[in-house]
Protein backbone atom coordinates (compact mmCIF):
# COMPACT_ATOMS: atom_id res chain seq x y z
CA MET A 1 2.07 -4.74 51.52
CA LYS A 2 0.93 -7.77 49.65
CA GLY A 3 1.71 -7.60 45.94
CA GLU A 4 4.72 -5.31 46.26
CA VAL A 5 5.87 -3.54 43.11
CA LYS A 6 9.16 -4.89 41.81
CA SER A 7 11.60 -2.89 39.72
CA PRO A 8 11.32 -3.69 36.02
CA PRO A 9 14.33 -4.61 33.89
CA PHE A 10 15.12 -1.03 32.88
CA GLY A 11 18.21 -0.33 30.80
CA ALA A 12 20.80 2.03 32.33
CA ALA A 13 19.47 5.22 30.70
CA ALA A 14 15.85 4.44 31.60
CA ARG A 15 16.83 3.63 35.20
CA ILE A 16 18.58 7.00 35.48
CA GLU A 17 15.61 8.83 33.94
CA ALA A 18 13.12 7.10 36.27
CA GLY A 19 15.31 7.79 39.30
CA THR A 20 15.76 11.44 38.35
CA LEU A 21 12.03 11.99 37.82
CA LEU A 22 11.13 10.23 41.10
CA ARG A 23 13.74 12.30 42.98
CA ARG A 24 12.26 15.50 41.53
CA LEU A 25 8.82 14.39 42.74
CA GLN A 26 10.22 13.62 46.22
CA GLN A 27 11.64 17.14 46.32
CA GLY A 28 8.16 18.56 45.73
CA GLU A 29 8.47 19.43 42.06
CA SER A 30 5.41 19.11 39.88
CA ILE A 31 6.22 17.32 36.62
CA GLY A 32 4.05 17.74 33.55
CA MET A 33 3.94 16.48 30.01
CA PRO A 34 5.67 14.79 28.30
CA HIS A 35 7.03 12.99 31.38
CA SER A 36 3.91 12.83 33.53
CA ARG A 37 0.18 13.13 33.14
CA PRO A 38 -2.71 13.02 35.63
CA MET A 39 -4.64 9.77 36.07
CA PRO A 40 -7.96 10.83 37.66
CA SER A 41 -9.43 7.42 36.79
CA ILE A 42 -7.26 6.04 39.62
CA GLY A 43 -7.75 8.83 42.13
CA LYS A 44 -6.80 12.30 43.28
CA LYS A 45 -3.12 13.20 42.99
CA CYS A 46 -2.49 10.10 40.85
CA HIS A 47 -0.25 10.39 37.81
CA GLU A 48 1.56 8.33 35.21
CA LEU A 49 5.29 8.71 34.55
CA ARG A 50 6.40 7.80 31.03
CA ILE A 51 9.80 6.17 30.63
CA THR A 52 11.10 5.10 27.21
CA ASP A 53 13.63 2.28 27.26
CA LYS A 54 14.86 1.18 23.83
CA ASN A 55 11.72 -0.28 22.23
CA ILE A 56 9.65 -0.52 25.45
CA ILE A 57 7.54 2.27 26.90
CA TRP A 58 7.24 1.87 30.67
CA ARG A 59 4.65 3.50 32.90
CA ILE A 60 5.01 4.19 36.60
CA LEU A 61 1.66 4.96 38.22
CA TYR A 62 2.12 7.01 41.36
CA ARG A 63 0.41 9.29 43.85
CA VAL A 64 1.96 12.28 45.57
CA ASP A 65 1.14 12.44 49.28
CA SER A 66 2.35 15.06 51.74
CA ASP A 67 5.01 12.68 53.11
CA ALA A 68 5.70 10.27 50.23
CA VAL A 69 5.55 9.45 46.56
CA VAL A 70 3.59 6.21 46.55
CA ILE A 71 4.10 3.89 43.57
CA GLY A 72 1.07 1.82 42.66
CA GLU A 73 2.22 -0.03 39.56
CA ILE A 74 4.99 -0.31 36.99
CA PHE A 75 4.20 -1.86 33.63
CA SER A 76 5.05 -1.75 29.95
CA LYS A 77 2.33 -0.06 27.98
CA LYS A 78 1.43 -1.48 24.59
CA THR A 79 -1.89 0.23 23.85
CA ARG A 80 -3.32 3.73 24.16
CA THR A 81 -5.47 2.82 27.15
CA THR A 82 -4.38 1.65 30.57
CA PRO A 83 -5.73 -1.85 31.25
CA LYS A 84 -8.60 -1.98 33.75
CA SER A 85 -6.70 -4.59 35.80
CA ILE A 86 -3.79 -2.13 36.25
CA ILE A 87 -6.17 0.64 37.35
CA ASN A 88 -7.88 -1.72 39.82
CA ASN A 89 -4.51 -2.91 41.21
CA CYS A 90 -3.47 0.70 41.80
CA LYS A 91 -6.70 1.58 43.54
CA MET A 92 -6.31 -1.48 45.80
CA ARG A 93 -2.67 -0.71 46.61
CA PHE A 94 -3.36 2.95 47.38
CA LYS A 95 -6.27 1.91 49.62
CA GLN A 96 -3.98 -0.57 51.44
CA TYR A 97 -1.33 2.10 51.81
CA ASP A 98 -3.87 4.56 53.23
CA GLN A 99 -5.08 1.99 55.76
CA ILE A 100 -1.54 1.17 56.90
CA ALA A 101 -0.56 4.85 57.07
CA HIS A 102 -3.71 5.63 59.08
CA GLU A 103 -3.02 2.76 61.52
CA ASN A 104 0.59 3.89 61.94
CA SER A 105 -0.46 7.49 62.62
CA GLN A 106 -2.85 6.29 65.33
CA THR A 107 -0.13 4.35 67.17
CA LYS A 108 2.27 7.31 67.36
């Protein structure tokens, strides 16, 4: 997909925490606060993972589908609110993902 999400420069402990939380999501576990919170402003089944790395607080915006954990955006959060541009990017990426997934399911 255009505009792929690249891994941020996490420190070792933050990388392990992010990987552990994402693995738990892949295994079907529902994660709540303080690690994850719903993001209905982006869409159904969308959430925000919170990863603290030294003096940076990272956010991983994701959606749980039946066959995948889809990551829409990774960014460092500096204010209480999520920037509108981040929300719009996530909506666009999830829409692109849905279109590609739908096309792939039709060709099988």
